[in-house]
Amino acid sequence: MRSLLSVLLVVLFSSLSYGQYSLGYLNDNPYDYNSLSNPYGAGNPYREDGLMNPYSRYGSPYSDYSWTNPYATNPPRIYTRRGRYLGELSSNPYGSDSVSNPYSYYGSRYSPDSINNPYGYGNPYSTERVYVRPRRY
């Protein structure tokens, strides 16, 4: 009984720490409902909190939380399934953590932790899921 209770507590606390929801996966699969490439799933331009919705908090070119606003200070962040940070999904070409900055660690195509690296996390054949998660407000 004690071991069952301890297992339940571990599962509860681990799910709370990873409980922040995802805005979608970065992959090229148009049939995956959670993929940003799926126009009927996470990539839906009418989704209330979608990255592809130009009127949502995360897709508006004027929002401080948007990836399309190059001046946003709180763009969504990119993580792997295991919680490894891969930078900010931002169109800011000068941001230090932006994936659009080719001279930053996370934007360089030669960095091992960049989604722009065709042999790393940017590999279309990779089985590692890459999540886009909002920042906490």
N, C-alpha and C. Protein backbone atom coordinates (compact mmCIF):
# COMPACT_ATOMS: atom_id res chain seq x y z
N MET A 1 0.82 -1.18 0.00
CA MET A 1 0.00 0.00 0.00
C MET A 1 0.87 1.26 0.00
N ARG A 2 1.93 1.21 0.79
CA ARG A 2 2.81 2.35 0.89
C ARG A 2 3.53 2.60 -0.44
N SER A 3 3.93 1.53 -1.10
CA SER A 3 4.61 1.69 -2.39
C SER A 3 3.66 2.21 -3.46
N LEU A 4 2.41 1.78 -3.41
CA LEU A 4 1.42 2.28 -4.37
C LEU A 4 1.19 3.77 -4.16
N LEU A 5 1.11 4.19 -2.92
CA LEU A 5 0.92 5.60 -2.61
C LEU A 5 2.13 6.42 -3.07
N SER A 6 3.32 5.92 -2.86
CA SER A 6 4.51 6.65 -3.28
C SER A 6 4.59 6.75 -4.80
N VAL A 7 4.20 5.70 -5.50
CA VAL A 7 4.18 5.73 -6.97
C VAL A 7 3.17 6.76 -7.46
N LEU A 8 2.00 6.80 -6.85
CA LEU A 8 0.99 7.77 -7.24
C LEU A 8 1.46 9.20 -6.99
N LEU A 9 2.14 9.44 -5.89
CA LEU A 9 2.66 10.77 -5.61
C LEU A 9 3.73 11.18 -6.62
N VAL A 10 4.59 10.26 -6.98
CA VAL A 10 5.63 10.55 -7.97
C VAL A 10 5.00 10.89 -9.32
N VAL A 11 4.01 10.13 -9.72
CA VAL A 11 3.32 10.38 -10.99
C VAL A 11 2.60 11.72 -10.95
N LEU A 12 1.98 12.03 -9.83
CA LEU A 12 1.26 13.29 -9.70
C LEU A 12 2.20 14.48 -9.80
N PHE A 13 3.30 14.45 -9.06
CA PHE A 13 4.22 15.58 -9.07
C PHE A 13 4.98 15.69 -10.39
N SER A 14 5.28 14.59 -11.02
CA SER A 14 5.96 14.67 -12.31
C SER A 14 5.02 15.19 -13.38
N SER A 15 3.74 14.85 -13.29
CA SER A 15 2.79 15.37 -14.27
C SER A 15 2.53 16.85 -14.04
N LEU A 16 2.61 17.31 -12.80
CA LEU A 16 2.43 18.73 -12.54
C LEU A 16 3.60 19.54 -13.06
N SER A 17 4.80 19.01 -12.97
CA SER A 17 5.96 19.74 -13.45
C SER A 17 5.99 19.81 -14.97
N TYR A 18 5.49 18.79 -15.64
CA TYR A 18 5.43 18.79 -17.10
C TYR A 18 4.04 19.11 -17.60
N GLY A 19 3.21 19.68 -16.76
CA GLY A 19 1.82 19.90 -17.10
C GLY A 19 1.55 21.08 -18.00
N GLN A 20 2.55 21.88 -18.29
CA GLN A 20 2.33 23.02 -19.15
C GLN A 20 1.97 22.53 -20.55
N TYR A 21 0.91 23.04 -21.09
CA TYR A 21 0.43 22.51 -22.36
C TYR A 21 1.30 22.97 -23.53
N SER A 22 1.17 22.26 -24.61
CA SER A 22 1.96 22.51 -25.80
C SER A 22 1.10 23.21 -26.84
N LEU A 23 1.70 24.13 -27.57
CA LEU A 23 1.00 24.79 -28.67
C LEU A 23 1.07 23.96 -29.95
N GLY A 24 1.90 22.95 -29.95
CA GLY A 24 2.02 22.07 -31.11
C GLY A 24 3.42 21.50 -31.23
N TYR A 25 3.57 20.56 -32.15
CA TYR A 25 4.86 19.94 -32.43
C TYR A 25 5.45 20.58 -33.68
N LEU A 26 6.77 20.68 -33.70
CA LEU A 26 7.45 21.12 -34.91
C LEU A 26 7.86 19.88 -35.69
N ASN A 27 7.06 19.51 -36.65
CA ASN A 27 7.41 18.43 -37.57
C ASN A 27 6.68 18.66 -38.89
N ASP A 28 7.01 17.86 -39.88
CA ASP A 28 6.45 18.04 -41.22
C ASP A 28 5.26 17.14 -41.50
N ASN A 29 4.75 16.47 -40.49
CA ASN A 29 3.67 15.50 -40.70
C ASN A 29 2.31 16.22 -40.73
N PRO A 30 1.68 16.34 -41.90
CA PRO A 30 0.39 17.03 -41.97
C PRO A 30 -0.77 16.19 -41.44
N TYR A 31 -0.52 14.93 -41.08
CA TYR A 31 -1.58 14.06 -40.57
C TYR A 31 -1.57 13.94 -39.05
N ASP A 32 -0.52 14.43 -38.42
CA ASP A 32 -0.44 14.43 -36.95
C ASP A 32 -1.27 15.60 -36.44
N TYR A 33 -2.27 15.31 -35.60
CA TYR A 33 -3.18 16.35 -35.13
C TYR A 33 -2.44 17.45 -34.36
N ASN A 34 -1.38 17.11 -33.65
CA ASN A 34 -0.65 18.09 -32.85
C ASN A 34 0.47 18.78 -33.61
N SER A 35 0.63 18.48 -34.89
CA SER A 35 1.68 19.09 -35.69
C SER A 35 1.25 20.48 -36.16
N LEU A 36 2.19 21.40 -36.17
CA LEU A 36 1.90 22.74 -36.69
C LEU A 36 1.74 22.73 -38.20
N SER A 37 2.10 21.63 -38.85
CA SER A 37 1.92 21.49 -40.29
C SER A 37 0.51 21.02 -40.66
N ASN A 38 -0.28 20.65 -39.67
CA ASN A 38 -1.64 20.17 -39.92
C ASN A 38 -2.60 21.36 -39.87
N PRO A 39 -3.20 21.74 -41.02
CA PRO A 39 -4.10 22.90 -41.02
C PRO A 39 -5.42 22.65 -40.31
N TYR A 40 -5.69 21.42 -39.91
CA TYR A 40 -6.93 21.11 -39.19
C TYR A 40 -6.67 20.79 -37.72
N GLY A 41 -5.42 20.79 -37.32
CA GLY A 41 -5.05 20.47 -35.94
C GLY A 41 -4.40 21.68 -35.28
N ALA A 42 -3.17 21.50 -34.82
CA ALA A 42 -2.46 22.57 -34.12
C ALA A 42 -2.12 23.73 -35.06
N GLY A 43 -2.03 23.47 -36.35
CA GLY A 43 -1.73 24.52 -37.31
C GLY A 43 -2.96 25.23 -37.86
N ASN A 44 -4.10 25.01 -37.25
CA ASN A 44 -5.35 25.61 -37.69
C ASN A 44 -5.29 27.13 -37.53
N PRO A 45 -5.55 27.90 -38.61
CA PRO A 45 -5.49 29.36 -38.50
C PRO A 45 -6.65 29.96 -37.70
N TYR A 46 -7.63 29.15 -37.29
CA TYR A 46 -8.75 29.64 -36.50
C TYR A 46 -8.70 29.17 -35.05
N ARG A 47 -7.66 28.44 -34.69
CA ARG A 47 -7.53 27.96 -33.31
C ARG A 47 -7.33 29.15 -32.37
N GLU A 48 -8.02 29.12 -31.25
CA GLU A 48 -8.04 30.27 -30.35
C GLU A 48 -6.65 30.66 -29.84
N ASP A 49 -5.83 29.68 -29.50
CA ASP A 49 -4.48 29.97 -29.01
C ASP A 49 -3.42 29.46 -29.97
N GLY A 50 -3.75 29.39 -31.25
CA GLY A 50 -2.85 28.81 -32.24
C GLY A 50 -1.74 29.74 -32.69
N LEU A 51 -0.64 29.14 -33.06
CA LEU A 51 0.49 29.91 -33.58
C LEU A 51 0.22 30.44 -34.99
N MET A 52 -0.67 29.80 -35.71
CA MET A 52 -0.96 30.21 -37.08
C MET A 52 -2.15 31.17 -37.18
N ASN A 53 -2.79 31.48 -36.06
CA ASN A 53 -3.91 32.40 -36.04
C ASN A 53 -3.37 33.83 -35.89
N PRO A 54 -3.56 34.69 -36.90
CA PRO A 54 -3.00 36.04 -36.81
C PRO A 54 -3.69 36.93 -35.78
N TYR A 55 -4.78 36.44 -35.16
CA TYR A 55 -5.48 37.23 -34.15
C TYR A 55 -5.30 36.66 -32.75
N SER A 56 -4.57 35.58 -32.61
CA SER A 56 -4.37 34.98 -31.29
C SER A 56 -3.17 35.62 -30.60
N ARG A 57 -3.04 35.31 -29.34
CA ARG A 57 -1.94 35.84 -28.55
C ARG A 57 -0.59 35.38 -29.09
N TYR A 58 -0.52 34.16 -29.62
CA TYR A 58 0.75 33.58 -30.04
C TYR A 58 1.03 33.72 -31.53
N GLY A 59 0.08 34.25 -32.30
CA GLY A 59 0.28 34.39 -33.73
C GLY A 59 0.17 35.81 -34.25
N SER A 60 -0.29 36.72 -33.41
CA SER A 60 -0.48 38.11 -33.81
C SER A 60 0.86 38.81 -34.00
N PRO A 61 0.98 39.62 -35.05
CA PRO A 61 2.24 40.34 -35.24
C PRO A 61 2.43 41.48 -34.24
N TYR A 62 1.42 41.73 -33.38
CA TYR A 62 1.50 42.82 -32.41
C TYR A 62 1.56 42.34 -30.97
N SER A 63 1.38 41.06 -30.73
CA SER A 63 1.37 40.52 -29.38
C SER A 63 2.79 40.36 -28.83
N ASP A 64 2.93 40.57 -27.54
CA ASP A 64 4.22 40.40 -26.89
C ASP A 64 4.58 38.93 -26.71
N TYR A 65 3.62 38.02 -26.91
CA TYR A 65 3.84 36.58 -26.76
C TYR A 65 3.91 35.86 -28.11
N SER A 66 3.95 36.60 -29.18
CA SER A 66 3.86 36.01 -30.51
C SER A 66 5.22 35.68 -31.11
N TRP A 67 5.23 34.64 -31.92
CA TRP A 67 6.46 34.27 -32.63
C TRP A 67 6.64 35.11 -33.89
N THR A 68 5.57 35.76 -34.38
CA THR A 68 5.67 36.56 -35.59
C THR A 68 6.06 38.01 -35.32
N ASN A 69 6.03 38.43 -34.06
CA ASN A 69 6.42 39.78 -33.69
C ASN A 69 7.92 39.80 -33.41
N PRO A 70 8.72 40.48 -34.25
CA PRO A 70 10.17 40.47 -34.03
C PRO A 70 10.59 41.24 -32.78
N TYR A 71 9.69 42.03 -32.20
CA TYR A 71 10.01 42.80 -31.00
C TYR A 71 9.43 42.18 -29.73
N ALA A 72 8.84 41.01 -29.83
CA ALA A 72 8.22 40.36 -28.67
C ALA A 72 9.29 39.97 -27.65
N THR A 73 8.97 40.18 -26.39
CA THR A 73 9.90 39.83 -25.32
C THR A 73 9.57 38.49 -24.67
N ASN A 74 8.40 37.93 -24.96
CA ASN A 74 7.99 36.65 -24.37
C ASN A 74 7.50 35.66 -25.43
N PRO A 75 8.30 35.37 -26.46
CA PRO A 75 7.82 34.44 -27.48
C PRO A 75 7.76 33.01 -26.94
N PRO A 76 7.07 32.12 -27.62
CA PRO A 76 7.02 30.72 -27.18
C PRO A 76 8.41 30.09 -27.20
N ARG A 77 8.58 29.10 -26.34
CA ARG A 77 9.86 28.40 -26.24
C ARG A 77 9.75 27.01 -26.84
N ILE A 78 10.87 26.47 -27.26
CA ILE A 78 10.91 25.16 -27.89
C ILE A 78 11.62 24.19 -26.94
N TYR A 79 10.99 23.04 -26.71
CA TYR A 79 11.55 22.01 -25.84
C TYR A 79 11.44 20.65 -26.51
N THR A 80 12.31 19.74 -26.11
CA THR A 80 12.18 18.36 -26.55
C THR A 80 11.25 17.63 -25.59
N ARG A 81 10.95 16.41 -25.90
CA ARG A 81 10.08 15.60 -25.06
C ARG A 81 10.69 15.40 -23.68
N ARG A 82 11.99 15.38 -23.62
CA ARG A 82 12.69 15.17 -22.34
C ARG A 82 12.93 16.46 -21.57
N GLY A 83 12.46 17.58 -22.10
CA GLY A 83 12.58 18.85 -21.39
C GLY A 83 13.80 19.68 -21.74
N ARG A 84 14.53 19.30 -22.76
CA ARG A 84 15.72 20.06 -23.16
C ARG A 84 15.29 21.32 -23.90
N TYR A 85 15.82 22.45 -23.49
CA TYR A 85 15.48 23.75 -24.07
C TYR A 85 16.21 23.92 -25.40
N LEU A 86 15.46 24.33 -26.45
CA LEU A 86 16.04 24.49 -27.78
C LEU A 86 15.91 25.91 -28.32
N GLY A 87 15.62 26.87 -27.47
CA GLY A 87 15.55 28.26 -27.90
C GLY A 87 14.13 28.79 -27.96
N GLU A 88 14.02 30.01 -28.46
CA GLU A 88 12.73 30.69 -28.58
C GLU A 88 12.26 30.66 -30.03
N LEU A 89 10.99 30.34 -30.22
CA LEU A 89 10.41 30.41 -31.56
C LEU A 89 10.04 31.86 -31.80
N SER A 90 10.93 32.57 -32.44
CA SER A 90 10.77 34.01 -32.62
C SER A 90 11.29 34.41 -33.99
N SER A 91 10.70 35.46 -34.54
CA SER A 91 11.18 35.97 -35.82
C SER A 91 12.21 37.08 -35.63
N ASN A 92 12.67 37.27 -34.40
CA ASN A 92 13.67 38.28 -34.09
C ASN A 92 15.05 37.82 -34.57
N PRO A 93 15.62 38.49 -35.58
CA PRO A 93 16.93 38.05 -36.09
C PRO A 93 18.10 38.44 -35.19
N TYR A 94 17.83 39.19 -34.09
CA TYR A 94 18.89 39.63 -33.21
C TYR A 94 18.79 39.06 -31.80
N GLY A 95 17.73 38.33 -31.49
CA GLY A 95 17.54 37.76 -30.16
C GLY A 95 18.60 36.72 -29.83
N SER A 96 19.06 36.72 -28.59
CA SER A 96 20.15 35.80 -28.21
C SER A 96 19.70 34.35 -28.19
N ASP A 97 18.43 34.08 -27.92
CA ASP A 97 17.91 32.70 -27.92
C ASP A 97 17.00 32.41 -29.10
N SER A 98 16.88 33.34 -30.02
CA SER A 98 15.97 33.19 -31.15
C SER A 98 16.50 32.18 -32.16
N VAL A 99 15.59 31.37 -32.69
CA VAL A 99 15.99 30.41 -33.73
C VAL A 99 16.15 31.11 -35.08
N SER A 100 15.74 32.38 -35.17
CA SER A 100 15.90 33.14 -36.41
C SER A 100 17.23 33.88 -36.48
N ASN A 101 17.98 33.89 -35.40
CA ASN A 101 19.29 34.53 -35.39
C ASN A 101 20.34 33.49 -35.80
N PRO A 102 20.91 33.61 -37.00
CA PRO A 102 21.85 32.59 -37.46
C PRO A 102 23.18 32.59 -36.70
N TYR A 103 23.42 33.62 -35.88
CA TYR A 103 24.66 33.70 -35.13
C TYR A 103 24.48 33.28 -33.66
N SER A 104 23.27 32.97 -33.26
CA SER A 104 23.04 32.53 -31.88
C SER A 104 23.22 31.02 -31.78
N TYR A 105 23.32 30.54 -30.56
CA TYR A 105 23.52 29.10 -30.33
C TYR A 105 22.33 28.30 -30.84
N TYR A 106 21.12 28.82 -30.64
CA TYR A 106 19.92 28.08 -31.02
C TYR A 106 19.48 28.35 -32.45
N GLY A 107 20.06 29.33 -33.11
CA GLY A 107 19.70 29.62 -34.49
C GLY A 107 20.72 29.15 -35.51
N SER A 108 21.90 28.83 -35.06
CA SER A 108 22.96 28.40 -35.97
C SER A 108 22.66 27.02 -36.54
N ARG A 109 22.94 26.83 -37.81
CA ARG A 109 22.69 25.51 -38.40
C ARG A 109 23.78 24.52 -38.06
N TYR A 110 24.81 24.97 -37.34
CA TYR A 110 25.90 24.08 -36.93
C TYR A 110 25.81 23.67 -35.46
N SER A 111 24.90 24.27 -34.73
CA SER A 111 24.75 23.97 -33.30
C SER A 111 24.02 22.64 -33.11
N PRO A 112 24.45 21.81 -32.17
CA PRO A 112 23.76 20.53 -31.95
C PRO A 112 22.36 20.69 -31.35
N ASP A 113 22.08 21.84 -30.72
CA ASP A 113 20.77 22.07 -30.11
C ASP A 113 19.90 23.01 -30.93
N SER A 114 20.16 23.12 -32.20
CA SER A 114 19.38 24.01 -33.06
C SER A 114 18.39 23.22 -33.91
N ILE A 115 17.19 23.79 -34.07
CA ILE A 115 16.23 23.14 -34.97
C ILE A 115 16.58 23.43 -36.42
N ASN A 116 17.54 24.32 -36.65
CA ASN A 116 17.99 24.61 -38.01
C ASN A 116 19.10 23.68 -38.48
N ASN A 117 19.59 22.83 -37.59
CA ASN A 117 20.64 21.87 -37.93
C ASN A 117 20.01 20.66 -38.61
N PRO A 118 20.33 20.40 -39.89
CA PRO A 118 19.70 19.28 -40.58
C PRO A 118 20.13 17.91 -40.08
N TYR A 119 21.16 17.86 -39.24
CA TYR A 119 21.61 16.58 -38.69
C TYR A 119 21.28 16.44 -37.20
N GLY A 120 20.62 17.42 -36.64
CA GLY A 120 20.27 17.39 -35.22
C GLY A 120 18.76 17.37 -35.05
N TYR A 121 18.25 18.32 -34.27
CA TYR A 121 16.81 18.38 -34.01
C TYR A 121 16.02 18.86 -35.22
N GLY A 122 16.68 19.43 -36.21
CA GLY A 122 16.01 19.85 -37.42
C GLY A 122 15.91 18.76 -38.47
N ASN A 123 16.36 17.57 -38.15
CA ASN A 123 16.33 16.44 -39.08
C ASN A 123 14.88 15.99 -39.30
N PRO A 124 14.41 15.95 -40.54
CA PRO A 124 13.02 15.53 -40.77
C PRO A 124 12.76 14.07 -40.44
N TYR A 125 13.79 13.26 -40.30
CA TYR A 125 13.62 11.85 -39.97
C TYR A 125 13.82 11.56 -38.49
N SER A 126 14.03 12.58 -37.71
CA SER A 126 14.26 12.40 -36.27
C SER A 126 12.98 11.93 -35.59
N THR A 127 13.13 11.04 -34.63
CA THR A 127 11.97 10.56 -33.88
C THR A 127 11.74 11.37 -32.61
N GLU A 128 12.61 12.30 -32.31
CA GLU A 128 12.48 13.14 -31.12
C GLU A 128 11.41 14.21 -31.37
N ARG A 129 10.41 14.25 -30.51
CA ARG A 129 9.37 15.27 -30.64
C ARG A 129 9.88 16.60 -30.11
N VAL A 130 9.58 17.65 -30.84
CA VAL A 130 9.97 18.99 -30.45
C VAL A 130 8.68 19.78 -30.23
N TYR A 131 8.49 20.25 -29.01
CA TYR A 131 7.27 20.95 -28.61
C TYR A 131 7.49 22.45 -28.60
N VAL A 132 6.43 23.18 -28.90
CA VAL A 132 6.42 24.63 -28.74
C VAL A 132 5.50 24.91 -27.56
N ARG A 133 6.05 25.54 -26.54
CA ARG A 133 5.28 25.82 -25.32
C ARG A 133 5.27 27.31 -25.04
N PRO A 134 4.16 27.82 -24.56
CA PRO A 134 4.11 29.25 -24.23
C PRO A 134 4.87 29.54 -22.95
N ARG A 135 5.26 30.78 -22.82
CA ARG A 135 5.85 31.20 -21.55
C ARG A 135 4.74 31.43 -20.55
N ARG A 136 5.08 31.34 -19.30
CA ARG A 136 4.08 31.62 -18.26
C ARG A 136 3.93 33.11 -18.12
N TYR A 137 2.69 33.55 -17.90
CA TYR A 137 2.49 34.99 -17.72
C TYR A 137 2.38 35.30 -16.26
